[in-house]
Amino acid sequence: MKYFVTVFLILYMLTSYIISDNQKLLEQASYHYKNSQFEEALSLYETLHDKFPNNIDLIFNLGNTHFKLNNLGFAIGYYLKAIKWEPSNSELRYNLSLTRNLIKQTIEPSDSILYSLLGWLRFLSINTAFNIMMILLLIGLVTLRLIYLKKFNRELLTNMLIICGISLVLSFSIFIHRYIDYSQEKGVVVTKKQAVYSGPSENLSVLFYIHEGYEFKINKSAGNWVELELSNGFKGWAPLSSLFLI
């Protein structure tokens, strides 16, 4: 018994020390940021991010710090990484939009009617889409049960079931859309200018050039190279050293 108490006390002291140490690092990083010492703040935020890679606040702070340092590619990358977890966060989206506006890109997102109509899907997290689908499924099952028991007007319940069925199909489509978008590997260019090659080697021909802040999806990788695809369908290979993967 004495042995277990000793072990518990040691673990408690170690945990308290680690929490206290991380809190001090966070306070120091915040202090440097508020005093415009962004390089120092960045170093501390990166140290904390290595320990807590999925902490949204740290990812957001890294984006803000890179923005202050004019590392706009990294800023966009961290904002997109945070939005992947919190797509409805208005502050994140505002900062992302502001940073994108500072970068002149020749490749623009589609302005089609379909793109505009489905644009609101970007504000739904994959968990929200799944919950909507489950709620509609539950409503449909309850409606079926009521029809079976003949508790209410059969015609009314049938209409409810049809509406619920259509809504369920739509919500399932939304969930699949969000799942594919969430699962797709993406990235951002972080160098001022990067050549895109026909294959994973600088000895091959250059297809085109991309600039800091360009966003892309990843099709495949080979060693320290990835085949990226831009929003206009252009494809090519670029080294990982010039990219930020989300």
Protein backbone atom coordinates (compact mmCIF):
# COMPACT_ATOMS: atom_id res chain seq x y z
CA MET A 1 0.00 0.00 0.00
CA LYS A 2 2.82 2.35 0.93
CA TYR A 3 4.45 1.60 -2.45
CA PHE A 4 1.33 2.62 -4.41
CA VAL A 5 0.94 5.82 -2.38
CA THR A 6 4.56 6.74 -3.13
CA VAL A 7 4.11 6.08 -6.86
CA PHE A 8 0.91 8.14 -6.88
CA LEU A 9 2.62 11.08 -5.18
CA ILE A 10 5.54 10.95 -7.63
CA LEU A 11 3.19 10.88 -10.63
CA TYR A 12 1.16 13.74 -9.17
CA MET A 13 4.27 15.85 -8.64
CA LEU A 14 5.54 15.13 -12.16
CA THR A 15 2.17 15.99 -13.70
CA SER A 16 1.96 19.23 -11.72
CA TYR A 17 5.48 20.15 -12.79
CA ILE A 18 4.75 19.48 -16.48
CA ILE A 19 1.51 21.49 -16.38
CA SER A 20 3.25 24.35 -14.59
CA ASP A 21 6.15 24.30 -17.07
CA ASN A 22 3.82 24.38 -20.09
CA GLN A 23 1.78 27.18 -18.55
CA LYS A 24 4.95 29.23 -18.10
CA LEU A 25 5.90 28.66 -21.74
CA LEU A 26 2.44 29.80 -22.84
CA GLU A 27 2.63 32.92 -20.67
CA GLN A 28 6.10 33.74 -22.03
CA ALA A 29 4.91 33.26 -25.62
CA SER A 30 1.91 35.54 -25.00
CA TYR A 31 4.18 38.14 -23.40
CA HIS A 32 6.54 38.16 -26.40
CA TYR A 33 3.62 38.36 -28.83
CA LYS A 34 2.02 41.31 -27.04
CA ASN A 35 5.38 43.10 -27.05
CA SER A 36 5.86 42.51 -30.80
CA GLN A 37 8.71 40.04 -30.20
CA PHE A 38 7.27 37.67 -32.75
CA GLU A 39 10.35 35.52 -33.42
CA GLU A 40 10.60 34.68 -29.72
CA ALA A 41 6.86 34.05 -29.51
CA LEU A 42 6.99 31.78 -32.57
CA SER A 43 9.75 29.65 -31.07
CA LEU A 44 7.78 29.10 -27.86
CA TYR A 45 4.49 28.42 -29.65
CA GLU A 46 6.24 25.83 -31.84
CA THR A 47 7.66 24.13 -28.74
CA LEU A 48 4.17 23.91 -27.24
CA HIS A 49 2.68 22.78 -30.56
CA ASP A 50 5.12 19.87 -30.67
CA LYS A 51 3.71 18.76 -27.32
CA PHE A 52 0.05 19.47 -28.13
CA PRO A 53 -0.30 19.18 -31.94
CA ASN A 54 -4.12 19.22 -31.91
CA ASN A 55 -4.59 22.24 -29.66
CA ILE A 56 -6.69 24.68 -31.71
CA ASP A 57 -5.63 27.76 -29.73
CA LEU A 58 -1.94 27.00 -30.29
CA ILE A 59 -2.49 26.42 -34.02
CA PHE A 60 -4.41 29.71 -34.22
CA ASN A 61 -1.63 31.53 -32.34
CA LEU A 62 0.96 30.10 -34.72
CA GLY A 63 -1.07 31.40 -37.66
CA ASN A 64 -1.32 34.86 -36.09
CA THR A 65 2.40 34.95 -35.28
CA HIS A 66 3.40 33.95 -38.81
CA PHE A 67 1.03 36.63 -40.11
CA LYS A 68 2.83 39.25 -38.01
CA LEU A 69 6.15 38.00 -39.41
CA ASN A 70 4.73 38.28 -42.95
CA ASN A 71 5.06 34.52 -43.45
CA LEU A 72 1.71 34.50 -45.22
CA GLY A 73 2.00 30.97 -46.59
CA PHE A 74 2.55 29.53 -43.12
CA ALA A 75 -0.22 31.75 -41.73
CA ILE A 76 -2.72 30.38 -44.27
CA GLY A 77 -1.54 26.84 -43.55
CA TYR A 78 -2.09 27.11 -39.81
CA TYR A 79 -5.46 28.85 -40.24
CA LEU A 80 -6.62 26.07 -42.57
CA LYS A 81 -5.35 23.46 -40.14
CA ALA A 82 -7.37 25.03 -37.32
CA ILE A 83 -10.47 25.45 -39.50
CA LYS A 84 -10.29 21.75 -40.32
CA TRP A 85 -11.24 21.16 -36.67
CA GLU A 86 -13.46 24.23 -36.17
CA PRO A 87 -14.98 25.13 -39.57
CA SER A 88 -17.59 27.46 -38.04
CA ASN A 89 -15.07 29.61 -36.13
CA SER A 90 -15.75 33.11 -37.49
CA GLU A 91 -12.52 34.63 -36.15
CA LEU A 92 -10.44 31.95 -37.86
CA ARG A 93 -12.27 32.47 -41.13
CA TYR A 94 -11.87 36.24 -40.94
CA ASN A 95 -8.11 35.95 -40.41
CA LEU A 96 -7.83 33.43 -43.23
CA SER A 97 -9.79 35.68 -45.59
CA LEU A 98 -7.67 38.68 -44.60
CA THR A 99 -4.44 36.77 -45.28
CA ARG A 100 -5.67 35.42 -48.60
CA ASN A 101 -6.54 38.95 -49.72
CA LEU A 102 -2.92 39.99 -49.18
CA ILE A 103 -1.73 37.37 -51.65
CA LYS A 104 -2.31 37.90 -55.34
CA GLN A 105 -3.21 34.58 -56.88
CA THR A 106 -3.98 34.03 -60.53
CA ILE A 107 -5.97 30.93 -59.61
CA GLU A 108 -9.36 31.75 -58.17
CA PRO A 109 -12.01 29.43 -56.70
CA SER A 110 -14.97 28.59 -58.89
CA ASP A 111 -17.75 31.18 -59.01
CA SER A 112 -20.35 28.76 -60.39
CA ILE A 113 -23.88 28.70 -59.01
CA LEU A 114 -23.34 25.18 -57.65
CA TYR A 115 -20.20 26.30 -55.82
CA SER A 116 -22.10 29.21 -54.27
CA LEU A 117 -25.04 27.06 -53.22
CA LEU A 118 -22.81 24.47 -51.59
CA GLY A 119 -20.43 27.00 -50.07
CA TRP A 120 -22.19 26.84 -46.71
CA LEU A 121 -21.07 23.20 -46.39
CA ARG A 122 -17.61 24.50 -45.52
CA PHE A 123 -19.01 25.77 -42.23
CA LEU A 124 -20.15 22.31 -41.14
CA SER A 125 -17.77 20.08 -39.24
CA ILE A 126 -17.81 16.37 -40.03
CA ASN A 127 -19.27 15.71 -36.56
CA THR A 128 -22.14 18.16 -37.15
CA ALA A 129 -22.94 16.57 -40.51
CA PHE A 130 -22.96 13.12 -38.90
CA ASN A 131 -25.22 14.29 -36.06
CA ILE A 132 -27.72 15.80 -38.52
CA MET A 133 -27.82 12.52 -40.41
CA MET A 134 -28.41 10.52 -37.22
CA ILE A 135 -31.20 12.85 -36.03
CA LEU A 136 -33.02 12.55 -39.36
CA LEU A 137 -32.59 8.78 -39.29
CA LEU A 138 -34.08 8.66 -35.79
CA ILE A 139 -37.04 10.81 -36.87
CA GLY A 140 -37.61 8.48 -39.82
CA LEU A 141 -37.57 5.40 -37.60
CA VAL A 142 -40.00 6.99 -35.13
CA THR A 143 -42.32 7.93 -38.02
CA LEU A 144 -42.22 4.36 -39.33
CA ARG A 145 -43.08 3.09 -35.88
CA LEU A 146 -46.05 5.46 -35.61
CA ILE A 147 -47.32 4.33 -39.03
CA TYR A 148 -47.05 0.72 -37.90
CA LEU A 149 -48.96 1.44 -34.69
CA LYS A 150 -51.54 3.60 -36.55
CA LYS A 151 -51.42 6.22 -33.80
CA PHE A 152 -51.80 9.23 -36.10
CA ASN A 153 -53.17 10.13 -39.52
CA ARG A 154 -51.56 7.69 -41.95
CA GLU A 155 -51.38 10.17 -44.85
CA LEU A 156 -49.69 12.79 -42.68
CA LEU A 157 -47.15 10.29 -41.38
CA THR A 158 -46.46 9.03 -44.90
CA ASN A 159 -45.72 12.57 -46.08
CA MET A 160 -43.48 13.08 -43.07
CA LEU A 161 -41.65 9.87 -43.89
CA ILE A 162 -41.09 10.97 -47.51
CA ILE A 163 -39.75 14.36 -46.42
CA CYS A 164 -37.57 12.71 -43.81
CA GLY A 165 -36.26 10.22 -46.38
CA ILE A 166 -35.31 12.98 -48.81
CA SER A 167 -33.67 14.96 -46.00
CA LEU A 168 -31.78 11.87 -44.89
CA VAL A 169 -30.40 11.32 -48.40
CA LEU A 170 -29.32 14.97 -48.56
CA SER A 171 -27.72 14.83 -45.12
CA PHE A 172 -25.89 11.64 -46.07
CA SER A 173 -24.56 13.41 -49.17
CA ILE A 174 -23.42 16.31 -46.98
CA PHE A 175 -21.68 13.90 -44.62
CA ILE A 176 -19.87 12.18 -47.52
CA HIS A 177 -18.88 15.58 -48.93
CA ARG A 178 -17.43 16.68 -45.58
CA TYR A 179 -15.72 13.33 -45.01
CA ILE A 180 -14.00 13.44 -48.41
CA ASP A 181 -12.97 17.05 -47.85
CA TYR A 182 -11.69 16.23 -44.35
CA SER A 183 -9.77 13.16 -45.55
CA GLN A 184 -8.18 14.87 -48.55
CA GLU A 185 -4.57 15.83 -47.89
CA LYS A 186 -3.96 19.49 -48.66
CA GLY A 187 -1.20 22.02 -48.41
CA VAL A 188 0.03 25.57 -48.98
CA VAL A 189 3.11 26.93 -50.72
CA VAL A 190 5.38 28.69 -48.19
CA THR A 191 8.24 29.84 -50.44
CA LYS A 192 8.03 33.03 -52.51
CA LYS A 193 8.26 31.13 -55.79
CA GLN A 194 8.44 27.41 -56.49
CA ALA A 195 8.87 25.53 -59.76
CA VAL A 196 6.52 22.61 -60.36
CA TYR A 197 8.11 19.71 -62.25
CA SER A 198 6.84 16.91 -64.46
CA GLY A 199 8.15 14.36 -61.93
CA PRO A 200 9.81 14.07 -58.52
CA SER A 201 13.18 15.51 -59.57
CA GLU A 202 14.65 18.92 -60.33
CA ASN A 203 16.33 17.38 -63.38
CA LEU A 204 12.95 17.05 -65.10
CA SER A 205 11.14 19.75 -67.06
CA VAL A 206 9.40 22.64 -65.30
CA LEU A 207 5.66 22.72 -65.98
CA PHE A 208 4.76 25.99 -64.26
CA TYR A 209 5.49 28.11 -61.19
CA ILE A 210 3.50 28.60 -58.01
CA HIS A 211 3.89 31.31 -55.37
CA GLU A 212 3.55 31.74 -51.63
CA GLY A 213 0.03 31.16 -50.39
CA TYR A 214 -1.14 28.94 -53.25
CA GLU A 215 -3.37 26.19 -51.90
CA PHE A 216 -3.48 22.70 -53.36
CA LYS A 217 -4.50 19.11 -52.75
CA ILE A 218 -2.05 16.21 -52.69
CA ASN A 219 -2.53 13.28 -55.06
CA LYS A 220 0.50 11.17 -54.15
CA SER A 221 4.01 11.36 -52.76
CA ALA A 222 7.46 9.95 -53.55
CA GLY A 223 10.20 10.45 -51.00
CA ASN A 224 10.52 14.17 -50.25
CA TRP A 225 8.27 15.11 -53.17
CA VAL A 226 4.51 15.33 -53.63
CA GLU A 227 2.31 15.53 -56.68
CA LEU A 228 0.06 18.51 -56.09
CA GLU A 229 -3.07 19.61 -57.91
CA LEU A 230 -4.29 23.20 -58.07
CA SER A 231 -7.92 24.31 -58.16
CA ASN A 232 -7.76 24.76 -61.95
CA GLY A 233 -6.67 21.14 -62.45
CA PHE A 234 -2.97 21.83 -63.08
CA LYS A 235 -0.79 19.03 -61.69
CA GLY A 236 2.89 18.62 -61.03
CA TRP A 237 5.59 17.71 -58.53
CA ALA A 238 7.20 19.94 -55.90
CA PRO A 239 9.62 19.32 -53.00
CA LEU A 240 8.20 19.13 -49.48
CA SER A 241 10.71 21.74 -48.30
CA SER A 242 8.70 24.49 -50.01
CA LEU A 243 5.29 23.32 -48.81
CA PHE A 244 3.20 23.29 -45.63
CA LEU A 245 1.03 20.19 -45.37
CA ILE A 246 -2.28 20.45 -43.54
